[in-house]
Amino acid sequence: MIPINTQVIKKDGKEQFVVLQYEDFLKLQKELACYDDLRTLREAKKEEQNAPSVSFEEAKTILNI
């Protein structure tokens, strides 16, 4: 978990808003983007888990490498 400095603002005695430094906001955005990429990759791997495949050696033979 990345450390971020926040300030909580209350309205009517309830926590309503959070203020954070711009640098921390950028860190949070980057972490969320990485998480989204990881989630997308895991979904794609799950969808393709039963797809036919060939070994690296077979691929080299097919491609005449």
Protein backbone atom coordinates (compact mmCIF):
# COMPACT_ATOMS: atom_id res chain seq x y z
CA MET A 1 0.00 0.00 0.00
CA ILE A 2 1.31 3.42 -0.86
CA PRO A 3 1.41 5.97 1.93
CA ILE A 4 -0.69 9.06 1.23
CA ASN A 5 -1.34 12.12 3.31
CA THR A 6 -5.00 13.06 3.51
CA GLN A 7 -7.19 15.56 5.26
CA VAL A 8 -10.77 14.56 6.01
CA ILE A 9 -13.46 17.23 5.92
CA LYS A 10 -16.63 16.70 7.89
CA LYS A 11 -20.06 18.05 7.14
CA ASP A 12 -22.79 17.83 9.76
CA GLY A 13 -20.42 15.73 11.90
CA LYS A 14 -19.96 13.09 9.18
CA GLU A 15 -16.89 12.50 7.05
CA GLN A 16 -17.79 13.83 3.61
CA PHE A 17 -14.64 14.76 1.66
CA VAL A 18 -10.96 13.92 1.48
CA VAL A 19 -8.26 16.33 0.38
CA LEU A 20 -4.89 15.01 -0.68
CA GLN A 21 -1.69 16.38 -2.14
CA TYR A 22 -1.48 16.39 -5.92
CA GLU A 23 1.59 14.09 -5.85
CA ASP A 24 -0.37 11.57 -3.78
CA PHE A 25 -3.27 11.85 -6.22
CA LEU A 26 -0.93 10.99 -9.09
CA LYS A 27 0.46 8.01 -7.15
CA LEU A 28 -3.08 6.80 -6.51
CA GLN A 29 -4.00 7.16 -10.18
CA LYS A 30 -0.94 5.15 -11.21
CA GLU A 31 -1.71 2.39 -8.70
CA LEU A 32 -5.31 2.19 -9.89
CA ALA A 33 -4.19 1.97 -13.52
CA CYS A 34 -1.80 -0.87 -12.64
CA TYR A 35 -4.56 -2.66 -10.76
CA ASP A 36 -6.93 -2.26 -13.70
CA ASP A 37 -4.29 -3.68 -16.07
CA LEU A 38 -3.75 -6.65 -13.75
CA ARG A 39 -7.48 -7.30 -13.50
CA THR A 40 -7.84 -7.16 -17.30
CA LEU A 41 -4.90 -9.55 -17.73
CA ARG A 42 -6.38 -12.03 -15.25
CA GLU A 43 -9.75 -11.92 -17.03
CA ALA A 44 -8.09 -12.53 -20.40
CA LYS A 45 -6.07 -15.45 -19.03
CA LYS A 46 -9.20 -16.97 -17.53
CA GLU A 47 -11.08 -16.66 -20.84
CA GLU A 48 -8.21 -18.28 -22.75
CA GLN A 49 -7.32 -21.01 -20.26
CA ASN A 50 -8.84 -23.76 -22.42
CA ALA A 51 -7.71 -22.37 -25.79
CA PRO A 52 -5.51 -24.64 -27.87
CA SER A 53 -1.82 -23.82 -27.70
CA VAL A 54 1.54 -24.93 -29.04
CA SER A 55 4.91 -25.09 -27.36
CA PHE A 56 7.67 -22.62 -28.13
CA GLU A 57 9.54 -25.29 -30.06
CA GLU A 58 6.44 -26.10 -32.15
CA ALA A 59 5.92 -22.40 -32.87
CA LYS A 60 9.52 -22.07 -34.07
CA THR A 61 9.00 -25.05 -36.39
CA ILE A 62 5.73 -23.64 -37.75
CA LEU A 63 7.34 -20.26 -38.38
CA ASN A 64 10.55 -21.79 -39.80
CA ILE A 65 12.72 -20.06 -37.23
